[in-house]
Every structure is written in structure tokens, then in C-alpha cells.
């Protein structure tokens, strides 16, 4: 039986309880009975003293900062106040871990902690849309990105506010352990395995009441998900929505934060990942069922989006005991 993957969550006064809960829910729950890898999540701090959090909560560390020396992944929760200084030993431990090449991911205002350590100098990073100005002002050497839900630069990941931390955590599971493991965790959390678009869709701005009250495009997206293997054009989807293509594209982007064709491409990649993990279907059939049309097209999109090939992805993440050839009527 493989050893559990070693995860470290940094703990110090001022961290957000929500982010602690997200990290604990993703990596701290045993789901090995559902074929999710085993994780060994530990709470690392500069001292064994309970860490106070907002709302009268406390977090009890169970490891010292030496845990970071052995961790495969380090998670930095966000801050209730972005001006909160991290203890010097925490910053030193982060610098050593970064120098070793350990992957470090900061949720929401956790980007300020990485910036305090100097790890984001000259790098792309982001935080909650309401804090990007402060991050840029306090740390002018950081290349602050205003819109993405999460972003990577080297072995450093940063995420936008609150729920985007869930997106980042699930993405880290996905790229290390496969789409099915991430989807299983997402289902248990009753959340989407991944979201599309940028945090620009969440910035406060006047919105028509009709758009707030109901997503008129939900049925169209559901139709597209059920017909990924067929040609899907903006014009055809717009017709189903009873809109002109131009109006449909504008409403779709407002609702999802991305264009219709980018959204469809993301869904097709996710469908192909699931087929590669769960089945032993030949590559041309995977490409057809996912809607890419040809193996060459699928390979090009995997290289652009996932920095790998479909064959390499299958070699890394295929569930061999469960793999099977789907019957012609399955998987659509």
C-alpha cells in the first residue's frame, strides 16, 4: 500500500477559519474507500500553542515547522487581515521549502504571506479582487493578476477569494492524482469539480434583476454537456436559448466568466480525462466521444491546457482495475 501523501498546512495567528476548513475538507478526510489517494495532512506552526482564529475558534497544531521539510505540498491559509505579519520562523521555513522546490499554494490573502517572504517578487500572483490593489501597493515587485480564479508561477500557486480556494485545492488534486479523484472529493463536498472563467464575474457591479434571479442559460449548458460528442456552435446554442449569437455570447460570458467555446473546450477536456481514467477505449474513440473529432486535435488541446499528452495522462491516472470498454451506448 503506497504511503500517504504528506501535506502541511501552515498555522499562525490571523489565518482564516474558512480556508482552514477548506484545506481540511479536501486533504483531511479519508476517502480511500472511494479510490481517493491517502493524504497525511498536518497542521504546522512555530509553537505548539493553540492558534486563535476569528469567531472564537482555535486551531491546535500537531507538528512543528520541520514538517515543511518533508511535505510534498504546503498550504497557506488566507488572512482575516491582509496586513497580518507572519512570524519570522514561518517566513524562513517557506523560503527553505521554496528553495527545495516544494509546491506551495496560498489561498486568498495567503498571497500576502508569500509576498512577505519575498517569494512572489517578479512572479505572477493574485488574491481576492477586493485586495489586488493592496497587494500591488504593499508589494510592488509582485506581478499582480486581477482576474484569474487561481494561477501558478513556478512551484507557487495563489488563488482568488474564498470559494476560489476550493477551486485551487481541487485543481491541485486533479493535476497530481487525476480528474476522478478531484471529482470524488468535489461530490462529497457538494461543489463543482472545477469552475470556468475569472473572478471578474464576481466583482460587484450593477446587474439586471433577471440575471440575478435566474440563469436562463442553465438549460443550454445542460444540453451542451449531454451532446459534447456532437458539433456545438455558438449559433446553434444561441438558437436554443432564443437569442442572437451576439447576445448569447454576451450573456454567457456574464454568467460564466468565459466564452461559450472556451467553456465547451473545458468540458470536453474534462470528459476526455474521465474516459482516459476509467476506460481502455482507443484514443480515436476517446477523442470522438469527448467531441474533439480527431486524436490530433485532442492531443493539441491536452498539450495547451494540461501540458501533457492524452497517452501520458492515461499512463499516470488510469484506474487499471476499473478500466473497461464502454458499450456504444455508454459514456455519451
Protein backbone atom coordinates (compact mmCIF):
# COMPACT_ATOMS: atom_id res chain seq x y z
CA UNK A 1 0.00 0.00 0.00
CA UNK A 2 1.53 3.37 -1.01
CA UNK A 3 2.49 5.82 1.70
CA UNK A 4 0.09 8.73 2.28
CA UNK A 5 0.97 11.94 0.51
CA UNK A 6 2.48 14.36 3.03
CA UNK A 7 0.64 17.68 3.23
CA UNK A 8 1.45 20.59 5.55
CA UNK A 9 -0.92 23.43 6.44
CA UNK A 10 0.72 26.46 7.96
CA UNK A 11 -0.88 27.77 11.15
CA UNK A 12 -0.28 31.15 12.77
CA UNK A 13 -2.49 33.84 14.36
CA UNK A 14 -4.64 35.69 11.83
CA UNK A 15 -5.37 32.85 9.39
CA UNK A 16 -8.94 32.49 8.11
CA UNK A 17 -11.08 29.74 9.56
CA UNK A 18 -12.81 29.23 6.20
CA UNK A 19 -9.56 28.44 4.42
CA UNK A 20 -8.51 26.10 7.21
CA UNK A 21 -11.82 24.29 6.79
CA UNK A 22 -11.42 24.04 3.01
CA UNK A 23 -7.92 22.58 3.30
CA UNK A 24 -9.07 20.16 5.99
CA UNK A 25 -12.08 19.03 3.96
CA UNK A 26 -10.07 18.38 0.80
CA UNK A 27 -6.98 16.72 2.31
CA UNK A 28 -8.01 15.82 5.85
CA UNK A 29 -10.86 13.38 5.14
CA UNK A 30 -10.14 9.71 4.47
CA UNK A 31 -11.78 8.79 1.16
CA UNK A 32 -9.60 5.82 0.29
CA UNK A 33 -12.72 3.62 0.24
CA UNK A 34 -13.73 5.65 -2.83
CA UNK A 35 -10.34 5.27 -4.54
CA UNK A 36 -9.04 8.69 -3.50
CA UNK A 37 -5.34 8.55 -2.52
CA UNK A 38 -4.43 8.65 1.15
CA UNK A 39 -3.33 12.06 2.43
CA UNK A 40 -1.47 12.82 5.63
CA UNK A 41 -2.46 16.41 6.44
CA UNK A 42 -0.66 18.03 9.37
CA UNK A 43 -1.00 21.48 10.95
CA UNK A 44 2.47 23.01 11.26
CA UNK A 45 3.25 26.02 13.44
CA UNK A 46 6.18 27.80 15.03
CA UNK A 47 4.98 26.78 18.51
CA UNK A 48 2.55 24.20 19.94
CA UNK A 49 0.28 26.93 21.33
CA UNK A 50 -3.34 26.93 20.03
CA UNK A 51 -3.74 29.35 17.12
CA UNK A 52 -6.62 31.82 17.60
CA UNK A 53 -8.96 32.48 14.70
CA UNK A 54 -11.92 34.78 14.21
CA UNK A 55 -15.23 33.76 15.77
CA UNK A 56 -13.76 32.29 18.93
CA UNK A 57 -12.23 29.32 17.09
CA UNK A 58 -8.78 27.88 17.73
CA UNK A 59 -6.57 25.53 15.77
CA UNK A 60 -4.26 23.17 17.62
CA UNK A 61 -1.00 22.50 15.71
CA UNK A 62 0.19 18.91 15.64
CA UNK A 63 3.59 19.44 14.02
CA UNK A 64 6.45 21.92 14.15
CA UNK A 65 7.70 23.81 11.12
CA UNK A 66 10.07 20.91 10.44
CA UNK A 67 7.03 19.26 8.85
CA UNK A 68 7.64 21.59 5.90
CA UNK A 69 10.99 19.89 5.29
CA UNK A 70 9.21 16.61 4.49
CA UNK A 71 5.99 17.89 2.92
CA UNK A 72 5.17 17.31 -0.73
CA UNK A 73 2.68 20.17 -0.67
CA UNK A 74 2.40 23.19 1.63
CA UNK A 75 -0.89 25.07 2.02
CA UNK A 76 -1.02 28.65 3.30
CA UNK A 77 -4.48 29.76 4.51
CA UNK A 78 -5.68 33.27 3.79
CA UNK A 79 -5.71 36.05 6.36
CA UNK A 80 -8.59 37.83 8.05
CA UNK A 81 -6.50 41.00 7.75
CA UNK A 82 -4.06 41.16 4.85
CA UNK A 83 -1.68 43.28 6.91
CA UNK A 84 -1.16 40.44 9.43
CA UNK A 85 2.59 39.70 9.66
CA UNK A 86 3.60 36.05 9.62
CA UNK A 87 6.10 35.02 12.32
CA UNK A 88 9.71 35.17 11.14
CA UNK A 89 10.21 31.38 11.59
CA UNK A 90 7.23 30.78 9.29
CA UNK A 91 8.68 33.03 6.59
CA UNK A 92 12.10 31.36 6.90
CA UNK A 93 10.50 27.91 6.63
CA UNK A 94 8.63 28.97 3.50
CA UNK A 95 11.83 30.27 1.91
CA UNK A 96 13.64 26.98 2.62
CA UNK A 97 10.75 24.94 1.24
CA UNK A 98 10.63 27.05 -1.91
CA UNK A 99 14.36 26.67 -2.41
CA UNK A 100 13.91 22.90 -2.26
CA UNK A 101 11.28 23.08 -4.98
CA UNK A 102 8.31 22.13 -2.79
CA UNK A 103 4.95 23.14 -4.19
CA UNK A 104 3.40 25.93 -2.10
CA UNK A 105 -0.20 27.09 -2.52
CA UNK A 106 -1.72 30.17 -0.87
CA UNK A 107 -5.45 30.72 -0.62
CA UNK A 108 -6.98 34.20 -0.88
CA UNK A 109 -4.98 36.61 1.32
CA UNK A 110 -2.32 33.95 1.83
CA UNK A 111 -0.61 35.61 -1.13
CA UNK A 112 0.39 38.40 1.26
CA UNK A 113 2.24 35.82 3.38
CA UNK A 114 4.18 34.55 0.35
CA UNK A 115 4.90 38.15 -0.62
CA UNK A 116 6.20 38.89 2.90
CA UNK A 117 8.64 36.03 2.42
CA UNK A 118 9.79 37.58 -0.86
CA UNK A 119 8.74 34.51 -2.80
CA UNK A 120 6.48 36.41 -5.19
CA UNK A 121 9.00 39.04 -6.26
CA UNK A 122 8.95 39.16 -10.06
CA UNK A 123 6.24 36.48 -10.19
CA UNK A 124 2.61 36.46 -11.24
CA UNK A 125 0.17 36.17 -8.33
CA UNK A 126 -3.35 37.06 -7.33
CA UNK A 127 -5.65 37.42 -4.38
CA UNK A 128 -9.27 38.39 -3.71
CA UNK A 129 -10.45 41.00 -6.21
CA UNK A 130 -11.01 43.48 -3.37
CA UNK A 131 -7.38 43.12 -2.23
CA UNK A 132 -5.44 43.20 -5.51
CA UNK A 133 -4.78 46.93 -5.16
CA UNK A 134 -3.37 46.48 -1.66
CA UNK A 135 -1.19 43.56 -2.76
CA UNK A 136 0.22 45.64 -5.61
CA UNK A 137 0.76 48.67 -3.35
CA UNK A 138 2.37 46.80 -0.45
CA UNK A 139 4.47 44.52 -2.66
CA UNK A 140 5.23 46.42 -5.88
CA UNK A 141 7.62 43.74 -7.15
CA UNK A 142 4.77 41.24 -7.43
CA UNK A 143 3.12 41.00 -10.85
CA UNK A 144 -0.46 41.10 -9.60
CA UNK A 145 -3.07 39.49 -11.88
CA UNK A 146 -6.55 40.91 -11.27
CA UNK A 147 -8.90 38.35 -12.79
CA UNK A 148 -8.00 34.66 -12.58
CA UNK A 149 -9.50 32.23 -10.07
CA UNK A 150 -6.04 30.77 -9.40
CA UNK A 151 -2.64 30.96 -11.00
CA UNK A 152 0.74 29.21 -10.96
CA UNK A 153 4.20 30.67 -11.33
CA UNK A 154 6.93 28.10 -10.84
CA UNK A 155 6.09 25.97 -7.82
CA UNK A 156 3.94 28.74 -6.30
CA UNK A 157 0.16 28.84 -6.55
CA UNK A 158 -2.15 31.66 -5.47
CA UNK A 159 -5.94 31.81 -5.52
CA UNK A 160 -8.62 34.47 -5.51
CA UNK A 161 -11.06 34.96 -2.67
CA UNK A 162 -12.97 32.44 -0.56
CA UNK A 163 -14.55 29.84 -2.89
CA UNK A 164 -11.65 30.13 -5.34
CA UNK A 165 -9.59 28.42 -2.64
CA UNK A 166 -11.79 25.36 -3.17
CA UNK A 167 -11.12 25.61 -6.91
CA UNK A 168 -7.37 25.69 -6.34
CA UNK A 169 -7.37 22.80 -3.87
CA UNK A 170 -9.38 20.60 -6.22
CA UNK A 171 -7.14 21.60 -9.12
CA UNK A 172 -4.04 20.57 -7.17
CA UNK A 173 -5.66 17.19 -6.51
CA UNK A 174 -6.58 16.92 -10.18
CA UNK A 175 -3.12 17.56 -11.59
CA UNK A 176 -1.42 15.26 -9.08
CA UNK A 177 -3.95 12.45 -8.69
CA UNK A 178 -6.34 12.69 -11.62
CA UNK A 179 -9.71 14.15 -12.51
CA UNK A 180 -11.66 11.30 -10.93
CA UNK A 181 -10.07 11.80 -7.51
CA UNK A 182 -10.86 15.53 -7.68
CA UNK A 183 -14.42 14.81 -8.83
CA UNK A 184 -14.97 12.35 -5.97
CA UNK A 185 -13.83 14.92 -3.41
CA UNK A 186 -15.96 17.60 -5.08
CA UNK A 187 -19.05 15.39 -4.97
CA UNK A 188 -18.58 14.74 -1.26
CA UNK A 189 -18.29 18.50 -0.72
CA UNK A 190 -21.34 19.14 -2.93
CA UNK A 191 -19.39 21.52 -5.13
CA UNK A 192 -18.34 21.68 -8.75
CA UNK A 193 -15.17 19.75 -9.68
CA UNK A 194 -13.99 22.88 -11.46
CA UNK A 195 -15.34 26.27 -12.41
CA UNK A 196 -14.60 28.23 -15.54
CA UNK A 197 -13.81 31.86 -16.04
CA UNK A 198 -12.23 34.52 -13.88
CA UNK A 199 -13.08 36.33 -10.68
CA UNK A 200 -14.11 39.28 -12.83
CA UNK A 201 -17.56 37.67 -12.91
CA UNK A 202 -17.85 38.16 -9.12
CA UNK A 203 -16.77 41.81 -8.82
CA UNK A 204 -19.60 44.00 -7.57
CA UNK A 205 -21.35 45.83 -10.39
CA UNK A 206 -24.96 46.63 -11.26
CA UNK A 207 -26.69 43.54 -12.63
CA UNK A 208 -30.15 43.28 -14.18
CA UNK A 209 -32.63 41.67 -11.80
CA UNK A 210 -33.50 38.97 -14.32
CA UNK A 211 -29.86 37.87 -14.45
CA UNK A 212 -29.66 37.77 -10.66
CA UNK A 213 -32.83 35.80 -10.17
CA UNK A 214 -32.40 33.05 -12.75
CA UNK A 215 -29.68 31.73 -15.03
CA UNK A 216 -31.55 31.47 -18.30
CA UNK A 217 -28.61 29.66 -19.88
CA UNK A 218 -28.58 26.71 -17.47
CA UNK A 219 -30.67 24.56 -19.82
CA UNK A 220 -28.36 25.36 -22.72
CA UNK A 221 -25.29 24.36 -20.72
CA UNK A 222 -27.00 21.15 -19.64
CA UNK A 223 -27.82 20.39 -23.28
CA UNK A 224 -24.21 21.03 -24.31
CA UNK A 225 -22.91 18.69 -21.59
CA UNK A 226 -25.15 15.94 -22.92
CA UNK A 227 -24.06 16.48 -26.52
CA UNK A 228 -20.33 17.14 -26.27
CA UNK A 229 -19.71 14.44 -28.88
CA UNK A 230 -21.71 16.46 -31.44
CA UNK A 231 -20.72 19.68 -33.23
CA UNK A 232 -21.63 22.61 -30.99
CA UNK A 233 -21.59 26.13 -32.38
CA UNK A 234 -22.42 29.45 -30.82
CA UNK A 235 -25.16 29.93 -33.41
CA UNK A 236 -26.82 26.61 -32.58
CA UNK A 237 -26.65 27.18 -28.82
CA UNK A 238 -27.92 30.72 -29.23
CA UNK A 239 -30.90 29.41 -31.17
CA UNK A 240 -31.73 27.03 -28.29
CA UNK A 241 -31.61 30.00 -25.92
CA UNK A 242 -33.81 32.09 -28.23
CA UNK A 243 -31.10 34.74 -28.61
CA UNK A 244 -28.95 36.16 -31.33
CA UNK A 245 -25.38 34.76 -31.32
CA UNK A 246 -24.01 38.12 -30.21
CA UNK A 247 -26.48 38.49 -27.34
CA UNK A 248 -26.00 34.85 -26.34
CA UNK A 249 -22.20 35.23 -26.18
CA UNK A 250 -22.54 38.37 -24.05
CA UNK A 251 -24.98 36.75 -21.59
CA UNK A 252 -22.95 33.54 -21.46
CA UNK A 253 -19.75 35.40 -20.59
CA UNK A 254 -21.57 37.40 -17.92
CA UNK A 255 -22.90 34.19 -16.35
CA UNK A 256 -19.75 32.06 -16.54
CA UNK A 257 -16.83 34.43 -16.90
CA UNK A 258 -15.70 32.80 -20.15
CA UNK A 259 -16.77 32.45 -23.77
CA UNK A 260 -19.10 29.68 -24.95
CA UNK A 261 -16.38 27.93 -26.95
CA UNK A 262 -13.82 28.12 -24.16
CA UNK A 263 -16.41 26.65 -21.79
CA UNK A 264 -17.18 23.81 -24.21
CA UNK A 265 -13.47 23.10 -24.64
CA UNK A 266 -13.04 22.83 -20.87
CA UNK A 267 -15.95 20.40 -20.67
CA UNK A 268 -14.52 18.29 -23.49
CA UNK A 269 -11.14 18.11 -21.82
CA UNK A 270 -12.81 17.01 -18.58
CA UNK A 271 -14.82 14.38 -20.45
CA UNK A 272 -11.67 13.07 -22.13
CA UNK A 273 -9.86 12.92 -18.78
CA UNK A 274 -12.65 10.80 -17.31
CA UNK A 275 -12.64 8.43 -20.28
CA UNK A 276 -8.85 8.09 -20.12
CA UNK A 277 -9.01 7.32 -16.41
CA UNK A 278 -11.99 4.98 -16.41
CA UNK A 279 -11.78 3.11 -19.72
CA UNK A 280 -9.31 1.47 -22.07
CA UNK A 281 -11.00 2.91 -25.17
CA UNK A 282 -8.58 3.65 -28.03
CA UNK A 283 -7.51 7.26 -28.42
CA UNK A 284 -9.58 7.97 -31.56
CA UNK A 285 -12.73 6.80 -29.75
CA UNK A 286 -11.92 8.89 -26.68
CA UNK A 287 -11.45 11.90 -28.95
CA UNK A 288 -14.75 11.22 -30.72
CA UNK A 289 -16.79 10.76 -27.55
CA UNK A 290 -15.30 13.87 -25.95
CA UNK A 291 -16.12 15.88 -29.06
CA UNK A 292 -12.65 16.61 -30.39
CA UNK A 293 -13.23 14.90 -33.69
CA UNK A 294 -9.70 13.55 -34.02
CA UNK A 295 -6.90 12.30 -31.82
CA UNK A 296 -4.61 15.00 -33.23
CA UNK A 297 -6.98 17.77 -32.11
CA UNK A 298 -7.37 16.22 -28.68
CA UNK A 299 -3.60 15.91 -28.32
CA UNK A 300 -3.12 19.58 -29.25
CA UNK A 301 -5.63 20.75 -26.64
CA UNK A 302 -4.16 18.49 -23.92
CA UNK A 303 -0.72 19.95 -24.62
CA UNK A 304 -2.04 23.52 -24.48
CA UNK A 305 -4.24 23.14 -21.38
CA UNK A 306 -2.63 20.34 -19.36
CA UNK A 307 0.98 20.37 -20.61
CA UNK A 308 0.80 16.64 -21.29
CA UNK A 309 -0.49 14.21 -23.90
CA UNK A 310 -3.59 12.01 -23.63
CA UNK A 311 -1.38 8.90 -23.59
CA UNK A 312 0.82 10.27 -20.81
CA UNK A 313 -2.28 11.32 -18.87
CA UNK A 314 -3.72 7.81 -19.13
CA UNK A 315 -0.40 6.27 -18.07
CA UNK A 316 -0.38 8.46 -14.95
CA UNK A 317 -4.02 8.33 -13.91
CA UNK A 318 -5.78 5.32 -15.43
CA UNK A 319 -7.65 3.19 -12.90
CA UNK A 320 -6.44 -0.14 -14.24
CA UNK A 321 -8.72 -2.48 -12.26
CA UNK A 322 -11.78 -0.43 -13.15
CA UNK A 323 -10.89 0.28 -16.79
CA UNK A 324 -13.30 -1.24 -19.28
CA UNK A 325 -14.51 -0.72 -22.81
CA UNK A 326 -17.75 1.17 -22.76
CA UNK A 327 -20.59 -0.19 -24.81
CA UNK A 328 -21.51 2.02 -27.80
CA UNK A 329 -24.48 3.49 -25.95
CA UNK A 330 -22.45 4.30 -22.78
CA UNK A 331 -20.45 7.42 -21.98
CA UNK A 332 -22.41 9.87 -24.02
